[in-house]
């Protein structure tokens, strides 16, 4: 009987229309909220390290049970729509509300191709970088996506980055999120004795295209809180695709950041 019920539920899920969620950032100290158009009938997290609670039919509350938990999968059914995505722990998430009452069906529209910018006092400096010349080159090419950091600057409070991202494929690259983490390279003799050191960073300002069309180059601008590390450290940037599996990791040596020009 259980097998019949399981097959029935699975059949209903497969028949629903699937939508891709953003990668949801949660913390262990606060709550992250997801809002949907229709009543939620199913929530499944890939691990017990996170909890999900449905309130008032259409709202899902998410939280990590402890810090530094590994990312996991998330499946939500709201009405006849099946939502799939990922949940990850972040010490200080940049947002706490994800509103899916109007789904991102415009990913192929001109509006989705426009630049997204968070309004902050540093915006003028990011705009200033548009006319500046490259002063550094750190590059990674993977799955037809060419990512190069071409500008690094500092001031008394922030580090500023400019990236050139070229899509050499014939499939548009729709951005899900970009993450920043400072990491330390430990000597081989200490790798099994000392816990890896890392510090996640959330941009306080950005100019970030929502998608990169086939064969085009787009420029990304970020302002990060100033952070000092050792010369052996590096800033790890990860670009994740929203509709697809292309993930690119770029490592910017800390030495290049520590010796960057003042902006």
Protein backbone atom coordinates (compact mmCIF):
# COMPACT_ATOMS: atom_id res chain seq x y z
CA UNK A 1 0.00 0.00 0.00
CA UNK A 2 2.88 2.39 0.88
CA UNK A 3 4.47 1.74 -2.50
CA UNK A 4 1.21 2.62 -4.27
CA UNK A 5 0.86 5.89 -2.34
CA UNK A 6 4.51 6.80 -3.03
CA UNK A 7 4.08 6.13 -6.75
CA UNK A 8 0.88 8.21 -6.75
CA UNK A 9 2.60 11.19 -5.09
CA UNK A 10 5.61 10.88 -7.39
CA UNK A 11 3.32 10.84 -10.38
CA UNK A 12 1.62 14.03 -9.20
CA UNK A 13 5.00 15.75 -8.72
CA UNK A 14 6.24 14.80 -12.17
CA UNK A 15 3.04 16.14 -13.68
CA UNK A 16 3.50 19.58 -12.15
CA UNK A 17 5.24 22.49 -13.82
CA UNK A 18 8.81 22.84 -12.50
CA UNK A 19 10.38 26.21 -11.67
CA UNK A 20 13.97 26.92 -10.65
CA UNK A 21 14.48 28.73 -7.33
CA UNK A 22 17.37 31.03 -6.51
CA UNK A 23 20.04 29.57 -4.24
CA UNK A 24 18.53 30.46 -0.86
CA UNK A 25 20.99 31.85 1.70
CA UNK A 26 20.06 31.18 5.34
CA UNK A 27 21.70 31.63 8.72
CA UNK A 28 21.43 29.91 12.10
CA UNK A 29 20.66 33.13 13.96
CA UNK A 30 17.72 34.45 11.96
CA UNK A 31 14.95 33.32 9.63
CA UNK A 32 14.77 33.45 5.84
CA UNK A 33 11.30 33.79 4.29
CA UNK A 34 9.94 32.44 1.00
CA UNK A 35 6.54 33.64 -0.23
CA UNK A 36 4.48 31.84 -2.89
CA UNK A 37 1.31 32.51 -4.88
CA UNK A 38 -0.45 29.30 -3.90
CA UNK A 39 -0.72 27.11 -0.78
CA UNK A 40 2.36 24.99 -0.04
CA UNK A 41 1.60 21.27 -0.01
CA UNK A 42 5.14 19.83 0.17
CA UNK A 43 8.55 20.91 1.50
CA UNK A 44 11.59 18.64 1.34
CA UNK A 45 15.13 19.52 2.39
CA UNK A 46 17.98 17.19 1.48
CA UNK A 47 19.36 17.13 5.03
CA UNK A 48 18.19 17.56 8.63
CA UNK A 49 20.78 20.31 9.16
CA UNK A 50 18.12 22.83 8.01
CA UNK A 51 14.49 23.24 9.07
CA UNK A 52 11.54 24.48 7.07
CA UNK A 53 8.19 25.55 8.52
CA UNK A 54 5.07 26.55 6.58
CA UNK A 55 2.99 29.45 7.94
CA UNK A 56 -0.38 30.71 6.67
CA UNK A 57 -0.30 28.26 3.75
CA UNK A 58 1.86 30.38 1.43
CA UNK A 59 4.94 31.29 3.50
CA UNK A 60 7.95 29.05 4.12
CA UNK A 61 10.37 29.85 6.97
CA UNK A 62 13.91 28.43 6.61
CA UNK A 63 16.76 28.29 9.09
CA UNK A 64 20.07 26.42 9.60
CA UNK A 65 20.30 24.46 12.84
CA UNK A 66 24.01 25.18 13.25
CA UNK A 67 26.71 27.34 11.60
CA UNK A 68 28.78 26.22 8.59
CA UNK A 69 26.38 23.50 7.47
CA UNK A 70 26.88 22.06 4.00
CA UNK A 71 24.58 23.24 1.15
CA UNK A 72 21.58 21.05 0.40
CA UNK A 73 18.72 20.65 -2.05
CA UNK A 74 15.26 22.17 -1.62
CA UNK A 75 12.00 21.02 -3.17
CA UNK A 76 8.73 22.90 -2.65
CA UNK A 77 5.32 22.28 -4.18
CA UNK A 78 3.01 25.31 -4.14
CA UNK A 79 -0.30 24.69 -5.85
CA UNK A 80 0.42 22.94 -9.13
CA UNK A 81 3.97 24.31 -9.38
CA UNK A 82 7.06 22.40 -8.29
CA UNK A 83 10.01 24.56 -7.19
CA UNK A 84 13.55 23.15 -7.08
CA UNK A 85 16.69 24.83 -5.78
CA UNK A 86 19.46 24.85 -3.18
CA UNK A 87 19.83 26.13 0.39
CA UNK A 88 23.20 27.20 1.81
CA UNK A 89 24.46 28.59 5.09
CA UNK A 90 25.78 32.17 5.07
CA UNK A 91 26.90 33.97 8.21
CA UNK A 92 25.33 37.27 7.12
CA UNK A 93 22.87 36.78 4.20
CA UNK A 94 22.43 39.77 1.92
CA UNK A 95 18.66 39.18 1.83
CA UNK A 96 16.07 37.52 4.05
CA UNK A 97 13.00 37.60 1.79
CA UNK A 98 12.44 35.68 -1.46
CA UNK A 99 9.13 36.58 -3.09
CA UNK A 100 7.98 34.05 -5.70
CA UNK A 101 4.44 35.37 -6.05
CA UNK A 102 5.56 36.64 -9.46
CA UNK A 103 7.97 34.10 -10.88
CA UNK A 104 10.92 35.16 -13.00
CA UNK A 105 9.26 34.24 -16.31
CA UNK A 106 10.94 37.24 -17.93
CA UNK A 107 14.41 35.70 -17.97
CA UNK A 108 14.41 36.05 -21.75
CA UNK A 109 12.89 39.53 -21.81
CA UNK A 110 14.84 42.79 -22.27
CA UNK A 111 14.13 43.69 -18.64
CA UNK A 112 15.97 40.59 -17.43
CA UNK A 113 19.02 41.59 -19.44
CA UNK A 114 19.30 44.95 -17.78
CA UNK A 115 21.90 45.68 -15.14
CA UNK A 116 20.90 45.10 -11.52
CA UNK A 117 22.47 47.50 -9.01
CA UNK A 118 22.08 47.82 -5.27
CA UNK A 119 21.89 51.49 -4.35
CA UNK A 120 24.65 52.36 -1.89
CA UNK A 121 27.07 55.26 -1.29
CA UNK A 122 29.84 53.43 -3.16
CA UNK A 123 27.94 53.32 -6.45
CA UNK A 124 29.72 56.40 -7.80
CA UNK A 125 33.07 54.67 -7.35
CA UNK A 126 31.86 51.59 -9.21
CA UNK A 127 30.67 53.82 -12.05
CA UNK A 128 34.05 55.56 -12.04
CA UNK A 129 35.72 52.19 -12.66
CA UNK A 130 33.86 51.81 -15.97
CA UNK A 131 36.25 54.20 -17.67
CA UNK A 132 39.37 52.99 -15.89
CA UNK A 133 42.09 50.88 -17.49
CA UNK A 134 42.83 47.28 -16.43
CA UNK A 135 45.40 47.09 -13.63
CA UNK A 136 45.37 43.34 -12.94
CA UNK A 137 44.66 40.07 -14.74
CA UNK A 138 43.37 36.95 -12.99
CA UNK A 139 41.55 34.62 -15.36
CA UNK A 140 39.60 31.35 -15.38
CA UNK A 141 37.92 29.65 -18.36
CA UNK A 142 35.47 26.80 -17.88
CA UNK A 143 32.54 25.39 -19.85
CA UNK A 144 32.78 28.18 -22.42
CA UNK A 145 32.60 30.97 -19.81
CA UNK A 146 35.70 33.20 -19.66
CA UNK A 147 35.97 35.13 -16.36
CA UNK A 148 38.75 37.67 -15.81
CA UNK A 149 39.28 40.11 -12.95
CA UNK A 150 40.69 43.21 -14.67
CA UNK A 151 40.57 45.88 -11.95
CA UNK A 152 41.24 45.86 -8.20
CA UNK A 153 41.20 48.98 -6.01
CA UNK A 154 41.01 49.77 -2.30
CA UNK A 155 39.99 52.72 -0.17
CA UNK A 156 39.93 53.06 3.62
CA UNK A 157 36.78 50.92 3.95
CA UNK A 158 36.31 48.75 0.87
CA UNK A 159 37.86 46.69 -1.91
CA UNK A 160 36.53 47.25 -5.45
CA UNK A 161 36.56 44.65 -8.22
CA UNK A 162 35.77 44.72 -11.93
CA UNK A 163 35.26 41.51 -13.88
CA UNK A 164 34.96 40.88 -17.61
CA UNK A 165 32.83 37.81 -18.30
CA UNK A 166 32.61 36.45 -21.86
CA UNK A 167 30.15 33.79 -22.94
CA UNK A 168 31.80 31.89 -25.81
CA UNK A 169 28.92 29.40 -26.10
CA UNK A 170 25.64 29.65 -28.01
CA UNK A 171 23.56 29.34 -24.80
CA UNK A 172 22.84 32.39 -22.64
CA UNK A 173 24.34 32.33 -19.14
CA UNK A 174 21.60 33.34 -16.67
CA UNK A 175 23.16 34.30 -13.35
CA UNK A 176 21.95 32.79 -10.08
CA UNK A 177 24.44 34.28 -7.63
CA UNK A 178 28.06 35.27 -7.07
CA UNK A 179 29.71 34.46 -3.74
CA UNK A 180 32.93 35.79 -2.19
CA UNK A 181 35.06 34.00 0.42
CA UNK A 182 38.53 34.83 1.71
CA UNK A 183 40.53 31.64 2.28
CA UNK A 184 43.98 30.75 3.59
CA UNK A 185 46.39 28.27 2.03
CA UNK A 186 47.79 26.22 4.89
CA UNK A 187 51.25 24.62 4.71
CA UNK A 188 51.07 20.92 3.89
CA UNK A 189 52.25 19.94 7.38
CA UNK A 190 49.28 21.75 8.95
CA UNK A 191 46.47 20.73 6.60
CA UNK A 192 45.32 17.82 8.73
CA UNK A 193 45.92 19.55 12.05
CA UNK A 194 44.45 23.04 11.67
CA UNK A 195 40.89 23.87 10.64
CA UNK A 196 40.73 25.73 7.31
CA UNK A 197 40.35 29.50 7.75
CA UNK A 198 37.78 31.34 5.69
CA UNK A 199 35.62 34.46 5.85
CA UNK A 200 32.54 34.93 3.67
CA UNK A 201 31.97 38.42 2.30
CA UNK A 202 28.73 40.02 1.14
CA UNK A 203 29.02 42.90 -1.36
CA UNK A 204 27.63 46.17 -0.05
CA UNK A 205 27.21 47.37 -3.62
CA UNK A 206 27.26 45.81 -7.06
CA UNK A 207 26.55 46.39 -10.72
CA UNK A 208 25.71 42.95 -12.01
CA UNK A 209 24.13 41.89 -15.33
CA UNK A 210 21.32 39.37 -14.94
CA UNK A 211 22.44 37.36 -17.98
CA UNK A 212 25.19 37.10 -20.55
CA UNK A 213 23.94 36.46 -24.05
CA UNK A 214 25.72 34.03 -26.38
CA UNK A 215 28.98 35.45 -27.71
CA UNK A 216 28.82 38.62 -25.60
CA UNK A 217 31.03 40.20 -22.92
CA UNK A 218 29.48 41.76 -19.81
CA UNK A 219 31.19 43.64 -16.98
CA UNK A 220 30.58 43.04 -13.28
CA UNK A 221 31.44 45.53 -10.51
CA UNK A 222 31.59 44.76 -6.79
CA UNK A 223 32.35 46.61 -3.56
CA UNK A 224 33.39 44.41 -0.62
CA UNK A 225 34.14 45.33 3.00
CA UNK A 226 37.89 45.72 3.48
CA UNK A 227 39.49 42.54 4.80
CA UNK A 228 43.13 41.74 5.46
CA UNK A 229 44.61 38.28 5.07
CA UNK A 230 48.06 36.75 4.69
CA UNK A 231 49.98 36.84 1.42
CA UNK A 232 49.29 33.14 0.94
CA UNK A 233 45.53 33.71 1.10
CA UNK A 234 43.14 34.42 -1.73
CA UNK A 235 39.64 35.68 -2.48
CA UNK A 236 37.50 32.93 -3.96
CA UNK A 237 34.69 34.07 -6.26
CA UNK A 238 32.09 31.55 -7.42
CA UNK A 239 29.65 32.32 -10.24
CA UNK A 240 26.67 29.97 -10.34
CA UNK A 241 24.27 29.56 -13.27
CA UNK A 242 20.55 29.76 -12.50
CA UNK A 243 19.22 27.52 -15.28
CA UNK A 244 21.99 24.98 -15.85
CA UNK A 245 25.07 23.50 -14.22
CA UNK A 246 27.90 25.85 -15.20
CA UNK A 247 29.79 26.97 -12.08
CA UNK A 248 33.03 28.96 -12.39
CA UNK A 249 35.50 29.56 -9.56
CA UNK A 250 38.02 32.41 -9.73
CA UNK A 251 40.81 32.77 -7.16
CA UNK A 252 42.26 36.27 -6.75
CA UNK A 253 45.55 36.18 -4.80
CA UNK A 254 45.38 38.25 -1.60
CA UNK A 255 48.72 39.82 -2.50
CA UNK A 256 47.12 41.50 -5.52
CA UNK A 257 44.35 42.90 -3.31
CA UNK A 258 46.72 44.04 -0.54
CA UNK A 259 48.91 45.96 -3.02
CA UNK A 260 46.06 47.41 -5.11
CA UNK A 261 45.94 51.11 -5.92
CA UNK A 262 43.77 53.47 -3.90
CA UNK A 263 40.50 54.59 -5.49
